[in-house]
C-alpha atoms as a PDB file:
ATOM      1  CA  ILE A   1     265.537 144.209   7.624  1.00  0.00           C
ATOM      2  CA  GLY A   2     268.440 142.195   6.246  1.00  0.00           C
ATOM      3  CA  THR A   3     266.317 140.266   3.711  1.00  0.00           C
ATOM      4  CA  LEU A   4     267.679 139.383   0.276  1.00  0.00           C
ATOM      5  CA  ARG A   5     264.561 140.567  -1.540  1.00  0.00           C
ATOM      6  CA  HIS A   6     261.313 142.263  -0.741  1.00  0.00           C
ATOM      7  CA  SER A   7     258.374 142.251  -3.157  1.00  0.00           C
ATOM      8  CA  GLY A   8     254.619 142.087  -2.854  1.00  0.00           C
ATOM      9  CA  PHE A   9     251.242 143.739  -3.308  1.00  0.00           C
ATOM     10  CA  PHE A  10     249.116 146.235  -1.445  1.00  0.00           C
ATOM     11  CA  ARG A  11     245.596 147.504  -1.778  1.00  0.00           C
ATOM     12  CA  VAL A  12     244.159 150.902  -0.844  1.00  0.00           C
ATOM     13  CA  ALA A  13     240.390 151.229  -0.293  1.00  0.00           C
ATOM     14  CA  ASN A  14     238.016 153.659   1.359  1.00  0.00           C
ATOM     15  CA  ASP A  15     235.606 152.982   4.192  1.00  0.00           C
ATOM     16  CA  GLY A  16     232.679 155.274   4.833  1.00  0.00           C
ATOM     17  CA  ALA A  17     232.473 158.885   3.709  1.00  0.00           C
ATOM     18  CA  VAL A  18     236.094 159.217   2.559  1.00  0.00           C
ATOM     19  CA  ARG A  19     237.538 159.476  -0.956  1.00  0.00           C
ATOM     20  CA  VAL A  20     241.124 158.218  -1.193  1.00  0.00           C
ATOM     21  CA  GLY A  21     243.897 158.722  -3.732  1.00  0.00           C
ATOM     22  CA  VAL A  22     247.499 157.589  -4.201  1.00  0.00           C
ATOM     23  CA  ALA A  23     250.116 160.248  -4.999  1.00  0.00           C
ATOM     24  CA  ASP A  24     253.880 160.390  -5.602  1.00  0.00           C
ATOM     25  CA  ALA A  25     254.052 156.648  -6.321  1.00  0.00           C
ATOM     26  CA  LYS A  26     257.609 155.400  -6.897  1.00  0.00           C
ATOM     27  CA  GLY A  27     258.668 151.842  -7.670  1.00  0.00           C
ATOM     28  CA  LEU A  28     255.044 150.685  -7.989  1.00  0.00           C
ATOM     29  CA  ILE A  29     253.082 149.000 -10.760  1.00  0.00           C
ATOM     30  CA  GLN A  30     249.312 149.595 -10.693  1.00  0.00           C
ATOM     31  CA  LEU A  31     247.098 146.556 -11.328  1.00  0.00           C
ATOM     32  CA  ALA A  32     243.399 145.922 -11.834  1.00  0.00           C
ATOM     33  CA  PRO A  33     241.532 145.316  -8.544  1.00  0.00           C
ATOM     34  CA  ASP A  34     240.793 141.666  -9.425  1.00  0.00           C
ATOM     35  CA  GLN A  35     244.542 140.964  -9.737  1.00  0.00           C
ATOM     36  CA  PHE A  36     245.067 141.394  -6.005  1.00  0.00           C
ATOM     37  CA  PRO A  37     246.233 138.038  -4.540  1.00  0.00           C
ATOM     38  CA  GLY A  38     243.694 138.282  -1.731  1.00  0.00           C
ATOM     39  CA  GLY A  39     240.863 138.248  -4.285  1.00  0.00           C
ATOM     40  CA  LYS A  40     238.428 140.921  -5.383  1.00  0.00           C
ATOM     41  CA  ASP A  41     236.159 142.385  -2.705  1.00  0.00           C
ATOM     42  CA  ASP A  42     232.887 143.564  -4.243  1.00  0.00           C
ATOM     43  CA  THR A  43     231.905 145.388  -1.052  1.00  0.00           C
ATOM     44  CA  LEU A  44     234.624 148.003  -1.586  1.00  0.00           C
ATOM     45  CA  ARG A  45     233.597 151.090  -3.569  1.00  0.00           C
ATOM     46  CA  GLN A  46     236.975 152.668  -4.375  1.00  0.00           C
ATOM     47  CA  VAL A  47     239.996 150.414  -4.797  1.00  0.00           C
ATOM     48  CA  PHE A  48     243.628 150.831  -5.894  1.00  0.00           C
ATOM     49  CA  VAL A  49     245.936 147.807  -6.214  1.00  0.00           C
ATOM     50  CA  TYR A  50     249.718 147.996  -6.662  1.00  0.00           C
ATOM     51  CA  ARG A  51     252.608 145.574  -7.025  1.00  0.00           C
ATOM     52  CA  PHE A  52     256.168 146.396  -5.981  1.00  0.00           C
ATOM     53  CA  PRO A  53     259.157 144.330  -7.189  1.00  0.00           C
ATOM     54  CA  SER A  54     261.622 145.639  -4.592  1.00  0.00           C
ATOM     55  CA  ALA A  55     261.887 147.415  -1.285  1.00  0.00           C
ATOM     56  CA  ALA A  56     262.710 150.685  -3.062  1.00  0.00           C
ATOM     57  CA  HIS A  57     259.171 151.974  -3.300  1.00  0.00           C
ATOM     58  CA  SER A  58     257.165 154.789  -1.728  1.00  0.00           C
ATOM     59  CA  PHE A  59     253.813 156.523  -1.997  1.00  0.00           C
ATOM     60  CA  GLN A  60     251.521 158.979  -0.261  1.00  0.00           C
ATOM     61  CA  LEU A  61     247.826 158.701   0.477  1.00  0.00           C
ATOM     62  CA  ARG A  62     245.330 161.521   0.122  1.00  0.00           C
ATOM     63  CA  ALA A  63     241.935 161.419   1.808  1.00  0.00           C
ATOM     64  CA  ASP A  64     239.007 163.777   1.263  1.00  0.00           C
ATOM     65  CA  GLN A  65     235.686 163.788   3.072  1.00  0.00           C
ATOM     66  CA  ILE A  66     232.675 162.925   0.921  1.00  0.00           C
ATOM     67  CA  LEU A  67     229.446 164.710   1.756  1.00  0.00           C
ATOM     68  CA  PRO A  68     226.277 162.667   1.211  1.00  0.00           C
ATOM     69  CA  GLU A  69     223.618 163.898  -1.185  1.00  0.00           C
ATOM     70  CA  ILE A  70     220.067 163.233   0.013  1.00  0.00           C
ATOM     71  CA  GLY A  71     216.907 163.555  -2.008  1.00  0.00           C
ATOM     72  CA  VAL A  72     213.568 163.446  -0.178  1.00  0.00           C
ATOM     73  CA  THR A  73     210.241 162.305  -1.615  1.00  0.00           C
ATOM     74  CA  GLU A  74     207.448 163.056   0.847  1.00  0.00           C
ATOM     75  CA  VAL A  75     203.827 161.948   1.046  1.00  0.00           C
ATOM     76  CA  THR A  76     202.185 163.643   4.033  1.00  0.00           C
ATOM     77  CA  VAL A  77     198.585 163.695   5.270  1.00  0.00           C
ATOM     78  CA  HIS A  78     197.401 166.334   7.764  1.00  0.00           C
ATOM     79  CA  GLU A  79     194.421 164.914   9.636  1.00  0.00           C
ATOM     80  CA  LEU A  80     191.822 166.893  11.574  1.00  0.00           C
ATOM     81  CA  ALA A  81     190.428 164.344  14.043  1.00  0.00           C
ATOM     82  CA  GLU A  82     187.804 164.803  16.740  1.00  0.00           C
ATOM     83  CA  THR A  83     190.255 165.176  19.618  1.00  0.00           C
ATOM     84  CA  ASP A  84     193.631 165.799  17.981  1.00  0.00           C
ATOM     85  CA  ARG A  85     195.586 166.910  14.915  1.00  0.00           C
ATOM     86  CA  ARG A  86     197.824 164.369  13.201  1.00  0.00           C
ATOM     87  CA  ILE A  87     200.633 164.495  10.669  1.00  0.00           C
ATOM     88  CA  ILE A  88     201.231 161.133   9.011  1.00  0.00           C
ATOM     89  CA  SER A  89     204.192 161.164   6.648  1.00  0.00           C
ATOM     90  CA  SER A  90     205.844 158.571   4.428  1.00  0.00           C
ATOM     91  CA  LEU A  91     209.381 159.640   3.541  1.00  0.00           C
ATOM     92  CA  GLU A  92     211.602 158.073   0.901  1.00  0.00           C
ATOM     93  CA  LEU A  93     215.283 159.007   1.116  1.00  0.00           C
ATOM     94  CA  ASP A  94     217.630 158.643  -1.844  1.00  0.00           C
ATOM     95  CA  ILE A  95     221.133 158.707  -0.301  1.00  0.00           C
ATOM     96  CA  ARG A  96     224.080 159.002  -2.682  1.00  0.00           C
ATOM     97  CA  GLU A  97     227.843 159.588  -2.640  1.00  0.00           C
ATOM     98  CA  ALA A  98     228.335 158.574   1.023  1.00  0.00           C
ATOM     99  CA  PRO A  99     226.427 156.659   3.721  1.00  0.00           C
ATOM    100  CA  ILE A 100     224.794 158.382   6.679  1.00  0.00           C
ATOM    101  CA  ARG A 101     224.450 157.173  10.266  1.00  0.00           C
ATOM    102  CA  GLU A 102     221.792 159.689  11.313  1.00  0.00           C
ATOM    103  CA  TRP A 103     219.395 162.151   9.745  1.00  0.00           C
ATOM    104  CA  GLU A 104     217.577 165.246  10.997  1.00  0.00           C
ATOM    105  CA  ILE A 105     214.127 166.712  10.332  1.00  0.00           C
ATOM    106  CA  ASP A 106     212.508 169.885  11.630  1.00  0.00           C
ATOM    107  CA  ILE A 107     208.959 169.205  12.800  1.00  0.00           C
ATOM    108  CA  PRO A 108     206.231 171.521  14.175  1.00  0.00           C
ATOM    109  CA  ALA A 109     207.127 172.296  17.785  1.00  0.00           C
ATOM    110  CA  ASP A 110     203.550 171.881  19.032  1.00  0.00           C
ATOM    111  CA  HIS A 111     203.343 168.252  17.868  1.00  0.00           C
ATOM    112  CA  ALA A 112     204.562 165.196  19.780  1.00  0.00           C
ATOM    113  CA  VAL A 113     206.298 162.277  18.080  1.00  0.00           C
ATOM    114  CA  ALA A 114     204.020 159.241  18.212  1.00  0.00           C
ATOM    115  CA  SER A 115     206.240 156.936  16.159  1.00  0.00           C
ATOM    116  CA  VAL A 116     209.215 156.788  13.799  1.00  0.00           C
ATOM    117  CA  THR A 117     209.583 153.483  11.954  1.00  0.00           C
ATOM    118  CA  GLY A 118     211.684 152.061   9.147  1.00  0.00           C
ATOM    119  CA  ALA A 119     213.678 148.948   8.352  1.00  0.00           C
ATOM    120  CA  ALA A 120     216.975 150.692   9.186  1.00  0.00           C
ATOM    121  CA  VAL A 121     215.729 152.954  12.013  1.00  0.00           C
ATOM    122  CA  ALA A 122     217.276 152.193  15.422  1.00  0.00           C
ATOM    123  CA  ASP A 123     216.168 155.148  17.540  1.00  0.00           C
ATOM    124  CA  TYR A 124     215.205 158.809  17.495  1.00  0.00           C
ATOM    125  CA  ALA A 125     215.590 161.857  19.741  1.00  0.00           C
ATOM    126  CA  LEU A 126     213.623 165.104  19.846  1.00  0.00           C
ATOM    127  CA  ALA A 127     215.420 168.326  20.761  1.00  0.00           C
ATOM    128  CA  SER A 128     213.968 170.567  23.455  1.00  0.00           C
ATOM    129  CA  GLU A 129     215.075 173.799  21.774  1.00  0.00           C
ATOM    130  CA  ILE A 130     212.484 175.546  19.579  1.00  0.00           C
ATOM    131  CA  LYS A 131     213.457 177.697  16.588  1.00  0.00           C
ATOM    132  CA  SER A 132     210.904 179.359  14.310  1.00  0.00           C
ATOM    133  CA  ALA A 133     208.140 177.165  15.779  1.00  0.00           C
ATOM    134  CA  LEU A 134     210.133 174.033  14.828  1.00  0.00           C
ATOM    135  CA  ARG A 135     211.985 171.372  16.781  1.00  0.00           C
ATOM    136  CA  ARG A 136     214.791 169.179  15.484  1.00  0.00           C
ATOM    137  CA  LEU A 137     214.090 165.438  15.289  1.00  0.00           C
ATOM    138  CA  LYS A 138     217.184 163.246  14.951  1.00  0.00           C
ATOM    139  CA  ILE A 139     216.757 159.752  13.498  1.00  0.00           C
ATOM    140  CA  VAL A 140     219.530 157.229  14.196  1.00  0.00           C
ATOM    141  CA  PHE A 141     220.036 154.230  11.917  1.00  0.00           C
ATOM    142  CA  LYS A 142     221.150 150.734  12.933  1.00  0.00           C
ATOM    143  CA  GLU A 143     224.156 151.018  10.600  1.00  0.00           C
ATOM    144  CA  PRO A 144     225.437 153.420   7.935  1.00  0.00           C
ATOM    145  CA  VAL A 145     222.855 153.447   5.132  1.00  0.00           C
ATOM    146  CA  MET A 146     222.866 154.378   1.454  1.00  0.00           C
ATOM    147  CA  GLY A 147     220.470 154.144  -1.444  1.00  0.00           C
ATOM    148  CA  ARG A 148     216.718 154.059  -0.951  1.00  0.00           C
ATOM    149  CA  GLN A 149     215.449 154.212   2.624  1.00  0.00           C
ATOM    150  CA  LEU A 150     211.819 154.417   3.756  1.00  0.00           C
ATOM    151  CA  ILE A 151     210.739 156.133   6.983  1.00  0.00           C
ATOM    152  CA  GLU A 152     207.229 156.372   8.407  1.00  0.00           C
ATOM    153  CA  LEU A 153     206.618 159.339  10.704  1.00  0.00           C
ATOM    154  CA  ARG A 154     203.558 160.024  12.858  1.00  0.00           C
ATOM    155  CA  LEU A 155     203.078 163.250  14.828  1.00  0.00           C
ATOM    156  CA  GLU A 156     200.162 164.191  17.082  1.00  0.00           C
ATOM    157  CA  LYS A 157     198.817 167.306  18.791  1.00  0.00           C
ATOM    158  CA  ASN A 158     196.046 167.385  21.398  1.00  0.00           C
ATOM    159  CA  GLU A 159     193.504 169.847  20.022  1.00  0.00           C
ATOM    160  CA  ALA A 160     189.820 169.205  19.446  1.00  0.00           C
ATOM    161  CA  ALA A 161     188.323 169.791  16.024  1.00  0.00           C
ATOM    162  CA  LYS A 162     186.846 173.263  15.529  1.00  0.00           C
ATOM    163  CA  THR A 163     185.954 175.664  12.760  1.00  0.00           C
ATOM    164  CA  GLY A 164     188.313 178.369  11.583  1.00  0.00           C
ATOM    165  CA  ALA A 165     191.646 178.655   9.836  1.00  0.00           C
ATOM    166  CA  TRP A 166     193.996 175.691  10.108  1.00  0.00           C
ATOM    167  CA  GLN A 167     197.540 176.521   9.125  1.00  0.00           C
ATOM    168  CA  LEU A 168     199.509 173.484   8.015  1.00  0.00           C
ATOM    169  CA  GLN A 169     203.133 173.597   9.114  1.00  0.00           C
ATOM    170  CA  PRO A 170     205.334 171.717   6.611  1.00  0.00           C
ATOM    171  CA  LEU A 171     208.176 169.417   7.568  1.00  0.00           C
ATOM    172  CA  VAL A 172     211.627 170.847   6.900  1.00  0.00           C
ATOM    173  CA  PHE A 173     214.633 168.809   5.759  1.00  0.00           C
ATOM    174  CA  PRO A 174     217.897 170.697   6.422  1.00  0.00           C
ATOM    175  CA  GLY A 175     220.631 169.924   3.912  1.00  0.00           C
ATOM    176  CA  ALA A 176     218.443 167.947   1.502  1.00  0.00           C
ATOM    177  CA  LYS A 177     219.581 168.361  -2.107  1.00  0.00           C
ATOM    178  CA  SER A 178     216.046 167.909  -3.431  1.00  0.00           C
ATOM    179  CA  HIS A 179     212.569 167.763  -1.902  1.00  0.00           C
ATOM    180  CA  ARG A 180     209.315 166.942  -3.633  1.00  0.00           C
ATOM    181  CA  GLY A 181     206.122 165.023  -3.011  1.00  0.00           C
ATOM    182  CA  TYR A 182     202.473 165.348  -2.078  1.00  0.00           C
ATOM    183  CA  LEU A 183     200.539 166.961   0.763  1.00  0.00           C
ATOM    184  CA  GLY A 184     196.970 166.084   1.674  1.00  0.00           C
ATOM    185  CA  ALA A 185     194.428 167.142   4.284  1.00  0.00           C
ATOM    186  CA  VAL A 186     191.469 165.160   5.633  1.00  0.00           C
ATOM    187  CA  SER A 187     188.872 165.982   8.295  1.00  0.00           C
ATOM    188  CA  THR A 188     186.645 164.078  10.680  1.00  0.00           C
ATOM    189  CA  PRO A 189     182.985 163.794   9.578  1.00  0.00           C
ATOM    190  CA  GLY A 190     181.049 167.006  10.135  1.00  0.00           C
ATOM    191  CA  TYR A 191     183.723 169.372   8.828  1.00  0.00           C
ATOM    192  CA  ARG A 192     184.456 170.563   5.296  1.00  0.00           C
ATOM    193  CA  LEU A 193     187.957 171.628   4.330  1.00  0.00           C
ATOM    194  CA  VAL A 194     188.541 174.441   1.844  1.00  0.00           C
ATOM    195  CA  ALA A 195     192.016 175.343   0.638  1.00  0.00           C
ATOM    196  CA  GLY A 196     193.118 178.833   1.618  1.00  0.00           C
ATOM    197  CA  LYS A 197     196.366 180.559   0.733  1.00  0.00           C
ATOM    198  CA  THR A 198     199.049 178.181  -0.548  1.00  0.00           C
ATOM    199  CA  THR A 199     202.711 178.654  -1.406  1.00  0.00           C
ATOM    200  CA  GLY A 200     204.901 176.413  -3.553  1.00  0.00           C
ATOM    201  CA  VAL A 201     202.254 173.758  -4.193  1.00  0.00           C
ATOM    202  CA  ALA A 202     199.876 172.893  -7.049  1.00  0.00           C
ATOM    203  CA  GLU A 203     196.480 171.313  -6.456  1.00  0.00           C
ATOM    204  CA  VAL A 204     195.884 167.889  -8.025  1.00  0.00           C
END
């Protein structure tokens, strides 16, 4: 207020799962991001830099939520042990468009969670509510994550080995854009496994 001149620069950038845009710009000159006087910040994903020669300038910002796209590659082994049933799964997440802070899986309701590990995994919580014989497992990360993330999951059920049909309950990944991988089954010595009815899989 009361100054003889007013000029400068400003930068607009997004943080997290938000896409930003500049609209109705008046009295502004757009520059390349590396021309900002504060220097270029390579950690920013979406950047707009402007210079204004006078105080007579204005603009509006638009922000849209970005939904993450998650692809899942799964390698799971169902194990028939002497005293229990185990599901040992190696999951590779391919997270694009926006980072995520947590992720959810539906697991068989009759299995307990023995462990959930990963470089970015901070904690996990298992819901008490059961829907369609599944329970929701929420995995919380140490910080927002993107790109390739590996998670090791181990589930257990107390049930002694016995003959008869053994129905394998697959893991379910709500909201995943793609899901592919391998499923295997192995038994304790003294039992022979024979594949029964299968859906959506091809034997290799």
